[in-house]
């Protein structure tokens, strides 16, 4: 999303000036944050304990060395 934000902020600031770009993009951020705060799935997931990501997505945290060790033990 960063490249899209950079391009859009550059285009908006070039077309309307820095002040309007900050107002427009700041308003867009507030609207997106309000929408995200109302989404029950994302707020439920963010309220989970820190190890929730590890429990939900164990393969994302499985280091290659650990896989090799597991294969050697099997």
N, C-alpha and C. Protein backbone atom coordinates (compact mmCIF):
# COMPACT_ATOMS: atom_id res chain seq x y z
N UNK A 1 0.81 -1.19 0.00
CA UNK A 1 0.00 0.00 0.00
C UNK A 1 0.86 1.26 0.00
N UNK A 2 2.08 1.15 0.48
CA UNK A 2 2.93 2.33 0.55
C UNK A 2 3.18 2.96 -0.83
N UNK A 3 3.49 2.17 -1.86
CA UNK A 3 3.69 2.82 -3.17
C UNK A 3 2.44 3.54 -3.67
N UNK A 4 1.28 2.95 -3.44
CA UNK A 4 0.04 3.61 -3.88
C UNK A 4 -0.20 4.89 -3.09
N UNK A 5 0.09 4.86 -1.79
CA UNK A 5 -0.06 6.07 -0.97
C UNK A 5 0.90 7.16 -1.39
N UNK A 6 2.11 6.77 -1.72
CA UNK A 6 3.10 7.75 -2.16
C UNK A 6 2.70 8.40 -3.48
N UNK A 7 2.24 7.59 -4.40
CA UNK A 7 1.83 8.12 -5.70
C UNK A 7 0.62 9.03 -5.54
N UNK A 8 -0.39 8.56 -4.79
CA UNK A 8 -1.60 9.38 -4.65
C UNK A 8 -1.31 10.67 -3.88
N UNK A 9 -0.48 10.61 -2.84
CA UNK A 9 -0.17 11.83 -2.11
C UNK A 9 0.62 12.81 -2.98
N UNK A 10 1.50 12.29 -3.80
CA UNK A 10 2.25 13.16 -4.72
C UNK A 10 1.35 13.82 -5.74
N UNK A 11 0.41 13.06 -6.30
CA UNK A 11 -0.51 13.62 -7.28
C UNK A 11 -1.44 14.65 -6.66
N UNK A 12 -1.95 14.34 -5.47
CA UNK A 12 -2.85 15.28 -4.80
C UNK A 12 -2.12 16.56 -4.41
N UNK A 13 -0.91 16.42 -3.87
CA UNK A 13 -0.18 17.63 -3.47
C UNK A 13 0.25 18.46 -4.67
N UNK A 14 0.55 17.81 -5.76
CA UNK A 14 0.93 18.56 -6.95
C UNK A 14 -0.28 19.30 -7.54
N UNK A 15 -1.44 18.67 -7.49
CA UNK A 15 -2.63 19.28 -8.08
C UNK A 15 -3.24 20.37 -7.19
N UNK A 16 -3.17 20.17 -5.86
CA UNK A 16 -3.89 21.11 -5.00
C UNK A 16 -3.04 21.78 -3.93
N UNK A 17 -1.80 21.38 -3.78
CA UNK A 17 -0.94 21.97 -2.76
C UNK A 17 -0.83 21.07 -1.54
N UNK A 18 0.17 21.36 -0.74
CA UNK A 18 0.47 20.50 0.41
C UNK A 18 -0.62 20.53 1.48
N UNK A 19 -1.18 21.69 1.75
CA UNK A 19 -2.21 21.78 2.79
C UNK A 19 -3.43 20.93 2.45
N UNK A 20 -3.90 21.06 1.22
CA UNK A 20 -5.06 20.28 0.82
C UNK A 20 -4.74 18.80 0.78
N UNK A 21 -3.53 18.47 0.38
CA UNK A 21 -3.13 17.06 0.36
C UNK A 21 -3.15 16.49 1.77
N UNK A 22 -2.63 17.23 2.73
CA UNK A 22 -2.64 16.75 4.12
C UNK A 22 -4.06 16.61 4.64
N UNK A 23 -4.92 17.56 4.32
CA UNK A 23 -6.31 17.48 4.76
C UNK A 23 -7.04 16.30 4.13
N UNK A 24 -6.87 16.14 2.83
CA UNK A 24 -7.55 15.06 2.12
C UNK A 24 -7.04 13.70 2.59
N UNK A 25 -5.73 13.53 2.63
CA UNK A 25 -5.18 12.24 3.03
C UNK A 25 -5.39 11.95 4.51
N UNK A 26 -5.34 12.98 5.35
CA UNK A 26 -5.64 12.78 6.77
C UNK A 26 -7.08 12.36 6.97
N UNK A 27 -7.99 12.96 6.22
CA UNK A 27 -9.39 12.55 6.27
C UNK A 27 -9.59 11.13 5.79
N UNK A 28 -8.87 10.76 4.74
CA UNK A 28 -8.96 9.39 4.23
C UNK A 28 -8.46 8.38 5.26
N UNK A 29 -7.41 8.72 5.96
CA UNK A 29 -6.89 7.84 7.01
C UNK A 29 -7.90 7.69 8.14
N UNK A 30 -8.54 8.79 8.53
CA UNK A 30 -9.56 8.72 9.58
C UNK A 30 -10.75 7.87 9.16
N UNK A 31 -11.18 8.00 7.92
CA UNK A 31 -12.30 7.20 7.43
C UNK A 31 -11.92 5.72 7.41
N UNK A 32 -10.72 5.40 6.93
CA UNK A 32 -10.27 4.00 6.89
C UNK A 32 -10.14 3.43 8.29
N UNK A 33 -9.65 4.23 9.24
CA UNK A 33 -9.52 3.75 10.62
C UNK A 33 -10.89 3.50 11.24
N UNK A 34 -11.87 4.35 10.94
CA UNK A 34 -13.22 4.15 11.47
C UNK A 34 -13.85 2.89 10.89
N UNK A 35 -13.63 2.64 9.62
CA UNK A 35 -14.16 1.43 9.00
C UNK A 35 -13.49 0.19 9.59
N UNK A 36 -12.18 0.24 9.76
CA UNK A 36 -11.45 -0.90 10.32
C UNK A 36 -11.86 -1.16 11.77
N UNK A 37 -12.14 -0.11 12.52
CA UNK A 37 -12.53 -0.28 13.92
C UNK A 37 -13.90 -0.94 14.05
N UNK A 38 -14.73 -0.80 13.05
CA UNK A 38 -16.07 -1.40 13.09
C UNK A 38 -16.08 -2.83 12.56
N UNK A 39 -14.98 -3.29 11.97
CA UNK A 39 -14.91 -4.65 11.43
C UNK A 39 -14.67 -5.63 12.57
N UNK A 40 -15.63 -6.48 12.82
CA UNK A 40 -15.57 -7.40 13.96
C UNK A 40 -14.46 -8.43 13.82
N UNK A 41 -14.20 -8.91 12.61
CA UNK A 41 -13.17 -9.93 12.42
C UNK A 41 -11.78 -9.39 12.74
N UNK A 42 -11.47 -8.19 12.26
CA UNK A 42 -10.13 -7.65 12.52
C UNK A 42 -9.95 -7.24 13.98
N UNK A 43 -10.99 -6.67 14.59
CA UNK A 43 -10.84 -6.28 15.99
C UNK A 43 -10.76 -7.50 16.89
N UNK A 44 -11.48 -8.58 16.56
CA UNK A 44 -11.39 -9.82 17.34
C UNK A 44 -9.98 -10.39 17.25
N UNK A 45 -9.42 -10.39 16.06
CA UNK A 45 -8.08 -10.94 15.88
C UNK A 45 -7.02 -10.08 16.57
N UNK A 46 -7.18 -8.77 16.53
CA UNK A 46 -6.21 -7.88 17.17
C UNK A 46 -6.30 -7.93 18.69
N UNK A 47 -7.45 -8.33 19.23
CA UNK A 47 -7.62 -8.45 20.67
C UNK A 47 -7.06 -9.76 21.23
N UNK A 48 -6.66 -10.67 20.35
CA UNK A 48 -6.13 -11.96 20.81
C UNK A 48 -4.76 -11.77 21.46
N UNK A 49 -4.31 -12.74 22.26
CA UNK A 49 -2.97 -12.66 22.87
C UNK A 49 -1.88 -12.67 21.80
N UNK A 50 -0.66 -12.35 22.23
CA UNK A 50 0.45 -12.22 21.28
C UNK A 50 0.76 -13.50 20.52
N UNK A 51 0.54 -14.66 21.12
CA UNK A 51 0.88 -15.90 20.43
C UNK A 51 -0.24 -16.39 19.51
N UNK A 52 -1.26 -15.59 19.30
CA UNK A 52 -2.37 -15.99 18.44
C UNK A 52 -1.91 -16.17 17.00
N UNK A 53 -1.02 -15.32 16.54
CA UNK A 53 -0.51 -15.45 15.18
C UNK A 53 0.25 -16.76 15.02
N UNK A 54 1.01 -17.13 16.03
CA UNK A 54 1.75 -18.39 15.99
C UNK A 54 0.79 -19.57 15.96
N UNK A 55 -0.29 -19.50 16.72
CA UNK A 55 -1.26 -20.59 16.73
C UNK A 55 -2.07 -20.64 15.45
N UNK A 56 -2.42 -19.49 14.88
CA UNK A 56 -3.23 -19.46 13.66
C UNK A 56 -2.41 -19.78 12.41
N UNK A 57 -1.17 -19.33 12.37
CA UNK A 57 -0.33 -19.50 11.19
C UNK A 57 1.02 -20.11 11.57
N UNK A 58 1.06 -21.37 12.02
CA UNK A 58 2.32 -21.94 12.51
C UNK A 58 3.38 -22.08 11.42
N UNK A 59 2.97 -22.30 10.18
CA UNK A 59 3.94 -22.49 9.10
C UNK A 59 4.69 -21.20 8.76
N UNK A 60 4.09 -20.07 9.04
CA UNK A 60 4.76 -18.79 8.76
C UNK A 60 5.95 -18.57 9.69
N UNK A 61 5.92 -19.21 10.85
CA UNK A 61 6.99 -19.02 11.84
C UNK A 61 7.93 -20.20 11.91
N UNK A 62 7.73 -21.19 11.07
CA UNK A 62 8.56 -22.39 11.08
C UNK A 62 9.82 -22.12 10.27
N UNK A 63 10.94 -22.01 10.95
CA UNK A 63 12.22 -21.70 10.29
C UNK A 63 12.68 -22.91 9.47
N UNK A 64 13.40 -22.71 8.39
CA UNK A 64 13.90 -23.84 7.58
C UNK A 64 14.75 -24.81 8.39
N UNK A 65 15.56 -24.31 9.32
CA UNK A 65 16.40 -25.19 10.13
C UNK A 65 15.52 -26.10 10.98
N UNK A 66 14.42 -25.60 11.46
CA UNK A 66 13.51 -26.39 12.29
C UNK A 66 12.89 -27.50 11.45
N UNK A 67 12.56 -27.21 10.19
CA UNK A 67 11.99 -28.24 9.31
C UNK A 67 13.00 -29.36 9.08
N UNK A 68 14.25 -28.99 8.89
CA UNK A 68 15.30 -29.98 8.66
C UNK A 68 15.47 -30.83 9.91
N UNK A 69 15.45 -30.18 11.08
CA UNK A 69 15.56 -30.94 12.32
C UNK A 69 14.39 -31.89 12.50
N UNK A 70 13.19 -31.47 12.14
CA UNK A 70 12.01 -32.33 12.26
C UNK A 70 12.13 -33.52 11.30
N UNK A 71 12.63 -33.26 10.09
CA UNK A 71 12.79 -34.35 9.12
C UNK A 71 13.84 -35.34 9.60
N UNK A 72 14.88 -34.86 10.23
CA UNK A 72 15.94 -35.74 10.73
C UNK A 72 15.44 -36.60 11.89
N UNK A 73 14.52 -36.05 12.69
CA UNK A 73 13.98 -36.80 13.81
C UNK A 73 12.98 -37.86 13.36
N UNK A 74 12.35 -37.65 12.22
CA UNK A 74 11.31 -38.61 11.75
C UNK A 74 11.88 -39.83 11.12
